[in-house]
Amino acid sequence: MKVLVAEDDPDQLELRALLLARSGFETIPARDTAAALRAAAAKKPDCAVIDLCFPAEEQGLGLIRELKRLDAAMRIIVLTGASAGRLEKLPEKALVDEVMVKGSCSSRLIEVIRAWQQAADCARARNRL
């Protein structure tokens, strides 16, 4: 599964991309919204893990909207340092599959993406029958 990792903090980007790569995912790192959109258009990731404040909340929300315009089926996980409930009040919440607070257990991030990968693999197997 290809995972776009969009984060403006270079250390966090490197750590998150490394964690996902070591968990068997193909990672596509992006340090800003323009790079994230170029990478999404060129490499067609299955899902994206993005920082909500990228570097400000409006850029993160704009990235969510643009990623869904590129591929409505793309799964999106939003990481936020603020309250996870903040996104609940915004229209972009309907475009997001999962919201996680930064600093929460990394195993949860991997678990969610693996579940999506297994579901996609099952769907492909059914389509071959």
N, C-alpha and C. Protein backbone atom coordinates (compact mmCIF):
# COMPACT_ATOMS: atom_id res chain seq x y z
N MET A 1 0.85 -1.17 0.00
CA MET A 1 0.00 0.00 0.00
C MET A 1 0.90 1.23 0.00
N LYS A 2 0.56 2.20 -0.85
CA LYS A 2 1.31 3.45 -0.93
C LYS A 2 0.68 4.47 0.01
N VAL A 3 1.53 5.08 0.85
CA VAL A 3 1.07 6.03 1.85
C VAL A 3 1.79 7.36 1.67
N LEU A 4 1.01 8.40 1.38
CA LEU A 4 1.54 9.75 1.35
C LEU A 4 1.64 10.24 2.78
N VAL A 5 2.83 10.72 3.17
CA VAL A 5 3.04 11.26 4.51
C VAL A 5 3.35 12.75 4.34
N ALA A 6 2.42 13.59 4.79
CA ALA A 6 2.55 15.03 4.62
C ALA A 6 2.73 15.69 5.99
N GLU A 7 3.90 16.27 6.20
CA GLU A 7 4.25 16.85 7.50
C GLU A 7 5.29 17.94 7.27
N ASP A 8 5.10 19.11 7.86
CA ASP A 8 6.03 20.21 7.65
C ASP A 8 7.23 20.17 8.60
N ASP A 9 7.15 19.40 9.67
CA ASP A 9 8.29 19.24 10.58
C ASP A 9 9.18 18.13 10.02
N PRO A 10 10.41 18.47 9.57
CA PRO A 10 11.26 17.47 8.92
C PRO A 10 11.56 16.25 9.78
N ASP A 11 11.74 16.45 11.09
CA ASP A 11 12.02 15.31 11.96
C ASP A 11 10.82 14.38 12.07
N GLN A 12 9.64 14.97 12.25
CA GLN A 12 8.42 14.16 12.34
C GLN A 12 8.16 13.43 11.02
N LEU A 13 8.39 14.12 9.91
CA LEU A 13 8.21 13.51 8.59
C LEU A 13 9.12 12.30 8.43
N GLU A 14 10.37 12.47 8.77
CA GLU A 14 11.33 11.37 8.63
C GLU A 14 10.96 10.19 9.53
N LEU A 15 10.62 10.48 10.79
CA LEU A 15 10.26 9.41 11.72
C LEU A 15 9.01 8.66 11.27
N ARG A 16 7.98 9.41 10.87
CA ARG A 16 6.72 8.77 10.47
C ARG A 16 6.91 7.95 9.20
N ALA A 17 7.65 8.50 8.23
CA ALA A 17 7.90 7.76 6.99
C ALA A 17 8.71 6.50 7.26
N LEU A 18 9.69 6.60 8.14
CA LEU A 18 10.52 5.44 8.50
C LEU A 18 9.68 4.38 9.20
N LEU A 19 8.86 4.79 10.13
CA LEU A 19 7.98 3.86 10.85
C LEU A 19 7.07 3.11 9.88
N LEU A 20 6.47 3.83 8.96
CA LEU A 20 5.56 3.18 8.00
C LEU A 20 6.32 2.30 7.01
N ALA A 21 7.49 2.75 6.57
CA ALA A 21 8.30 1.94 5.65
C ALA A 21 8.73 0.63 6.32
N ARG A 22 9.14 0.72 7.57
CA ARG A 22 9.56 -0.49 8.29
C ARG A 22 8.38 -1.42 8.58
N SER A 23 7.19 -0.89 8.48
CA SER A 23 5.98 -1.71 8.67
C SER A 23 5.49 -2.28 7.35
N GLY A 24 6.26 -2.07 6.29
CA GLY A 24 5.96 -2.69 5.00
C GLY A 24 5.20 -1.83 4.01
N PHE A 25 5.01 -0.55 4.31
CA PHE A 25 4.28 0.31 3.40
C PHE A 25 5.26 1.10 2.53
N GLU A 26 4.84 1.39 1.31
CA GLU A 26 5.61 2.27 0.44
C GLU A 26 5.26 3.70 0.84
N THR A 27 6.23 4.47 1.30
CA THR A 27 5.95 5.82 1.78
C THR A 27 6.35 6.86 0.74
N ILE A 28 5.55 7.91 0.70
CA ILE A 28 5.79 9.04 -0.20
C ILE A 28 5.82 10.28 0.69
N PRO A 29 7.01 10.75 1.08
CA PRO A 29 7.08 11.90 1.98
C PRO A 29 6.88 13.22 1.25
N ALA A 30 6.25 14.18 1.94
CA ALA A 30 6.05 15.52 1.38
C ALA A 30 6.15 16.53 2.51
N ARG A 31 6.94 17.59 2.30
CA ARG A 31 7.18 18.60 3.34
C ARG A 31 6.28 19.82 3.24
N ASP A 32 5.53 19.94 2.15
CA ASP A 32 4.61 21.07 2.04
C ASP A 32 3.43 20.64 1.17
N THR A 33 2.41 21.48 1.14
CA THR A 33 1.18 21.10 0.43
C THR A 33 1.41 20.95 -1.07
N ALA A 34 2.23 21.81 -1.66
CA ALA A 34 2.49 21.70 -3.09
C ALA A 34 3.17 20.36 -3.41
N ALA A 35 4.16 19.99 -2.61
CA ALA A 35 4.85 18.71 -2.82
C ALA A 35 3.89 17.54 -2.61
N ALA A 36 3.01 17.66 -1.62
CA ALA A 36 2.04 16.58 -1.35
C ALA A 36 1.10 16.40 -2.53
N LEU A 37 0.63 17.50 -3.09
CA LEU A 37 -0.29 17.40 -4.23
C LEU A 37 0.40 16.86 -5.48
N ARG A 38 1.63 17.30 -5.72
CA ARG A 38 2.39 16.77 -6.87
C ARG A 38 2.62 15.27 -6.71
N ALA A 39 3.01 14.86 -5.51
CA ALA A 39 3.27 13.44 -5.26
C ALA A 39 1.98 12.62 -5.39
N ALA A 40 0.88 13.14 -4.88
CA ALA A 40 -0.40 12.42 -4.97
C ALA A 40 -0.83 12.25 -6.43
N ALA A 41 -0.65 13.29 -7.23
CA ALA A 41 -1.03 13.21 -8.64
C ALA A 41 -0.14 12.24 -9.40
N ALA A 42 1.15 12.22 -9.09
CA ALA A 42 2.10 11.38 -9.82
C ALA A 42 2.12 9.93 -9.34
N LYS A 43 2.05 9.73 -8.04
CA LYS A 43 2.27 8.38 -7.50
C LYS A 43 1.00 7.67 -7.06
N LYS A 44 -0.12 8.35 -7.04
CA LYS A 44 -1.42 7.75 -6.74
C LYS A 44 -1.42 6.91 -5.45
N PRO A 45 -1.18 7.56 -4.30
CA PRO A 45 -1.19 6.79 -3.04
C PRO A 45 -2.58 6.27 -2.70
N ASP A 46 -2.61 5.20 -1.94
CA ASP A 46 -3.88 4.62 -1.48
C ASP A 46 -4.43 5.40 -0.30
N CYS A 47 -3.53 5.96 0.50
CA CYS A 47 -3.97 6.74 1.65
C CYS A 47 -2.95 7.82 1.95
N ALA A 48 -3.38 8.76 2.78
CA ALA A 48 -2.51 9.86 3.17
C ALA A 48 -2.59 10.04 4.68
N VAL A 49 -1.44 10.32 5.27
CA VAL A 49 -1.34 10.66 6.69
C VAL A 49 -0.86 12.10 6.70
N ILE A 50 -1.73 13.02 7.12
CA ILE A 50 -1.36 14.43 7.03
C ILE A 50 -1.49 15.14 8.37
N ASP A 51 -0.62 16.10 8.54
CA ASP A 51 -0.65 16.98 9.70
C ASP A 51 -1.74 18.01 9.44
N LEU A 52 -2.63 18.22 10.38
CA LEU A 52 -3.70 19.19 10.19
C LEU A 52 -3.15 20.60 10.07
N CYS A 53 -2.20 20.96 10.89
CA CYS A 53 -1.58 22.29 10.82
C CYS A 53 -0.34 22.16 9.95
N PHE A 54 -0.51 22.45 8.69
CA PHE A 54 0.49 22.13 7.68
C PHE A 54 0.89 23.35 6.88
N PRO A 55 1.52 24.40 7.35
CA PRO A 55 1.89 24.69 8.73
C PRO A 55 0.75 25.32 9.54
N ALA A 56 -0.25 25.83 8.86
CA ALA A 56 -1.42 26.35 9.56
C ALA A 56 -2.62 25.47 9.21
N GLU A 57 -3.64 25.52 10.04
CA GLU A 57 -4.80 24.65 9.85
C GLU A 57 -5.44 24.81 8.47
N GLU A 58 -5.52 26.01 7.96
CA GLU A 58 -6.16 26.23 6.65
C GLU A 58 -5.44 25.48 5.53
N GLN A 59 -4.10 25.39 5.61
CA GLN A 59 -3.35 24.62 4.61
C GLN A 59 -3.67 23.14 4.72
N GLY A 60 -3.77 22.64 5.93
CA GLY A 60 -4.12 21.24 6.12
C GLY A 60 -5.52 20.93 5.62
N LEU A 61 -6.46 21.81 5.91
CA LEU A 61 -7.83 21.61 5.43
C LEU A 61 -7.89 21.69 3.91
N GLY A 62 -7.14 22.62 3.33
CA GLY A 62 -7.08 22.73 1.88
C GLY A 62 -6.48 21.48 1.26
N LEU A 63 -5.46 20.92 1.89
CA LEU A 63 -4.85 19.70 1.39
C LEU A 63 -5.85 18.54 1.41
N ILE A 64 -6.62 18.44 2.46
CA ILE A 64 -7.65 17.39 2.53
C ILE A 64 -8.60 17.52 1.34
N ARG A 65 -9.09 18.72 1.09
CA ARG A 65 -10.03 18.94 -0.02
C ARG A 65 -9.40 18.59 -1.36
N GLU A 66 -8.16 19.03 -1.57
CA GLU A 66 -7.49 18.79 -2.85
C GLU A 66 -7.17 17.31 -3.07
N LEU A 67 -6.76 16.62 -2.01
CA LEU A 67 -6.48 15.18 -2.15
C LEU A 67 -7.75 14.42 -2.54
N LYS A 68 -8.86 14.79 -1.94
CA LYS A 68 -10.14 14.13 -2.28
C LYS A 68 -10.59 14.47 -3.70
N ARG A 69 -10.25 15.69 -4.17
CA ARG A 69 -10.56 16.03 -5.57
C ARG A 69 -9.74 15.17 -6.53
N LEU A 70 -8.49 14.91 -6.16
CA LEU A 70 -7.63 14.07 -7.00
C LEU A 70 -8.11 12.63 -7.02
N ASP A 71 -8.53 12.13 -5.85
CA ASP A 71 -8.95 10.73 -5.73
C ASP A 71 -9.94 10.60 -4.58
N ALA A 72 -11.21 10.55 -4.92
CA ALA A 72 -12.26 10.48 -3.90
C ALA A 72 -12.15 9.23 -3.04
N ALA A 73 -11.51 8.19 -3.54
CA ALA A 73 -11.39 6.94 -2.79
C ALA A 73 -10.19 6.92 -1.84
N MET A 74 -9.32 7.91 -1.94
CA MET A 74 -8.13 7.94 -1.08
C MET A 74 -8.55 8.03 0.39
N ARG A 75 -7.98 7.18 1.21
CA ARG A 75 -8.23 7.22 2.65
C ARG A 75 -7.33 8.28 3.26
N ILE A 76 -7.86 9.03 4.22
CA ILE A 76 -7.08 10.11 4.84
C ILE A 76 -7.12 9.98 6.35
N ILE A 77 -5.92 10.00 6.92
CA ILE A 77 -5.75 10.07 8.37
C ILE A 77 -5.18 11.44 8.68
N VAL A 78 -5.83 12.15 9.57
CA VAL A 78 -5.36 13.47 9.99
C VAL A 78 -4.73 13.34 11.37
N LEU A 79 -3.53 13.88 11.49
CA LEU A 79 -2.85 13.95 12.78
C LEU A 79 -2.94 15.38 13.26
N THR A 80 -3.28 15.55 14.52
CA THR A 80 -3.41 16.88 15.07
C THR A 80 -2.81 16.95 16.46
N GLY A 81 -2.19 18.06 16.75
CA GLY A 81 -1.67 18.29 18.09
C GLY A 81 -2.74 18.90 18.98
N ALA A 82 -3.79 19.37 18.36
CA ALA A 82 -4.91 19.97 19.08
C ALA A 82 -5.93 18.89 19.41
N SER A 83 -7.03 19.30 19.91
CA SER A 83 -8.10 18.37 20.23
C SER A 83 -8.62 17.71 18.96
N ALA A 84 -8.80 16.41 19.01
CA ALA A 84 -9.34 15.68 17.86
C ALA A 84 -10.76 16.15 17.54
N GLY A 85 -11.45 16.69 18.52
CA GLY A 85 -12.80 17.18 18.32
C GLY A 85 -12.88 18.45 17.49
N ARG A 86 -11.76 19.13 17.31
CA ARG A 86 -11.74 20.37 16.53
C ARG A 86 -12.25 20.13 15.12
N LEU A 87 -11.85 19.05 14.52
CA LEU A 87 -12.25 18.74 13.14
C LEU A 87 -13.73 18.38 13.04
N GLU A 88 -14.31 17.92 14.12
CA GLU A 88 -15.72 17.52 14.12
C GLU A 88 -16.65 18.63 13.66
N LYS A 89 -16.27 19.87 13.90
CA LYS A 89 -17.13 21.02 13.60
C LYS A 89 -16.92 21.56 12.19
N LEU A 90 -16.01 20.98 11.45
CA LEU A 90 -15.65 21.50 10.13
C LEU A 90 -16.17 20.59 9.01
N PRO A 91 -16.50 21.16 7.84
CA PRO A 91 -17.02 20.33 6.74
C PRO A 91 -16.02 19.29 6.24
N GLU A 92 -14.73 19.54 6.41
CA GLU A 92 -13.71 18.59 5.95
C GLU A 92 -13.76 17.27 6.71
N LYS A 93 -14.41 17.25 7.86
CA LYS A 93 -14.52 16.01 8.65
C LYS A 93 -15.14 14.89 7.81
N ALA A 94 -16.08 15.25 6.93
CA ALA A 94 -16.74 14.25 6.09
C ALA A 94 -15.77 13.63 5.08
N LEU A 95 -14.64 14.26 4.85
CA LEU A 95 -13.65 13.77 3.87
C LEU A 95 -12.56 12.92 4.52
N VAL A 96 -12.56 12.87 5.84
CA VAL A 96 -11.49 12.22 6.60
C VAL A 96 -11.97 10.89 7.16
N ASP A 97 -11.10 9.89 7.09
CA ASP A 97 -11.44 8.56 7.58
C ASP A 97 -11.10 8.37 9.05
N GLU A 98 -10.06 9.05 9.51
CA GLU A 98 -9.58 8.84 10.88
C GLU A 98 -8.87 10.11 11.35
N VAL A 99 -9.07 10.45 12.61
CA VAL A 99 -8.37 11.57 13.24
C VAL A 99 -7.61 11.01 14.44
N MET A 100 -6.33 11.31 14.50
CA MET A 100 -5.50 10.85 15.62
C MET A 100 -4.75 12.03 16.20
N VAL A 101 -4.65 12.04 17.51
CA VAL A 101 -3.88 13.08 18.19
C VAL A 101 -2.41 12.71 18.13
N LYS A 102 -1.58 13.68 17.74
CA LYS A 102 -0.13 13.42 17.69
C LYS A 102 0.33 12.99 19.06
N GLY A 103 1.26 12.06 19.07
CA GLY A 103 1.77 11.55 20.33
C GLY A 103 1.04 10.30 20.79
N SER A 104 -0.08 9.99 20.11
CA SER A 104 -0.77 8.75 20.46
C SER A 104 0.05 7.58 19.92
N CYS A 105 -0.32 6.41 20.26
CA CYS A 105 0.44 5.22 19.94
C CYS A 105 0.60 5.03 18.42
N SER A 106 1.84 4.88 17.97
CA SER A 106 2.10 4.67 16.55
C SER A 106 1.52 3.35 16.06
N SER A 107 1.39 2.40 16.96
CA SER A 107 0.84 1.10 16.54
C SER A 107 -0.60 1.25 16.05
N ARG A 108 -1.34 2.21 16.57
CA ARG A 108 -2.71 2.46 16.11
C ARG A 108 -2.70 2.93 14.66
N LEU A 109 -1.78 3.81 14.30
CA LEU A 109 -1.65 4.28 12.93
C LEU A 109 -1.40 3.11 11.98
N ILE A 110 -0.47 2.27 12.34
CA ILE A 110 -0.14 1.10 11.52
C ILE A 110 -1.32 0.14 11.45
N GLU A 111 -1.98 -0.07 12.55
CA GLU A 111 -3.15 -0.96 12.61
C GLU A 111 -4.25 -0.50 11.66
N VAL A 112 -4.54 0.78 11.64
CA VAL A 112 -5.58 1.32 10.77
C VAL A 112 -5.22 1.13 9.30
N ILE A 113 -3.99 1.45 8.95
CA ILE A 113 -3.58 1.33 7.55
C ILE A 113 -3.55 -0.13 7.12
N ARG A 114 -3.09 -1.01 7.99
CA ARG A 114 -3.09 -2.46 7.66
C ARG A 114 -4.51 -2.97 7.43
N ALA A 115 -5.45 -2.51 8.24
CA ALA A 115 -6.85 -2.93 8.07
C ALA A 115 -7.37 -2.48 6.71
N TRP A 116 -7.03 -1.26 6.31
CA TRP A 116 -7.45 -0.78 4.99
C TRP A 116 -6.81 -1.60 3.89
N GLN A 117 -5.54 -1.97 4.07
CA GLN A 117 -4.83 -2.77 3.07
C GLN A 117 -5.48 -4.15 2.94
N GLN A 118 -5.81 -4.76 4.06
CA GLN A 118 -6.45 -6.07 4.02
C GLN A 118 -7.81 -6.00 3.34
N ALA A 119 -8.58 -4.96 3.61
CA ALA A 119 -9.88 -4.80 2.97
C ALA A 119 -9.72 -4.63 1.47
N ALA A 120 -8.72 -3.85 1.05
CA ALA A 120 -8.47 -3.65 -0.38
C ALA A 120 -8.03 -4.95 -1.04
N ASP A 121 -7.19 -5.72 -0.36
CA ASP A 121 -6.74 -7.01 -0.90
C ASP A 121 -7.92 -7.97 -1.06
N CYS A 122 -8.81 -7.99 -0.10
CA CYS A 122 -10.00 -8.86 -0.17
C CYS A 122 -10.90 -8.44 -1.33
N ALA A 123 -11.08 -7.14 -1.49
CA ALA A 123 -11.92 -6.64 -2.58
C ALA A 123 -11.32 -7.02 -3.93
N ARG A 124 -10.01 -6.89 -4.08
CA ARG A 124 -9.36 -7.28 -5.34
C ARG A 124 -9.52 -8.77 -5.59
N ALA A 125 -9.40 -9.59 -4.55
CA ALA A 125 -9.55 -11.04 -4.70
C ALA A 125 -10.98 -11.39 -5.13
N ARG A 126 -11.97 -10.72 -4.54
CA ARG A 126 -13.36 -10.97 -4.93
C ARG A 126 -13.61 -10.58 -6.39
N ASN A 127 -12.99 -9.50 -6.82
CA ASN A 127 -13.18 -9.03 -8.20
C ASN A 127 -12.56 -9.98 -9.21
N ARG A 128 -11.56 -10.75 -8.79
CA ARG A 128 -10.93 -11.71 -9.69
C ARG A 128 -11.76 -12.97 -9.87
N LEU A 129 -12.68 -13.21 -8.95
CA LEU A 129 -13.50 -14.44 -9.02
C LEU A 129 -14.57 -14.35 -10.06
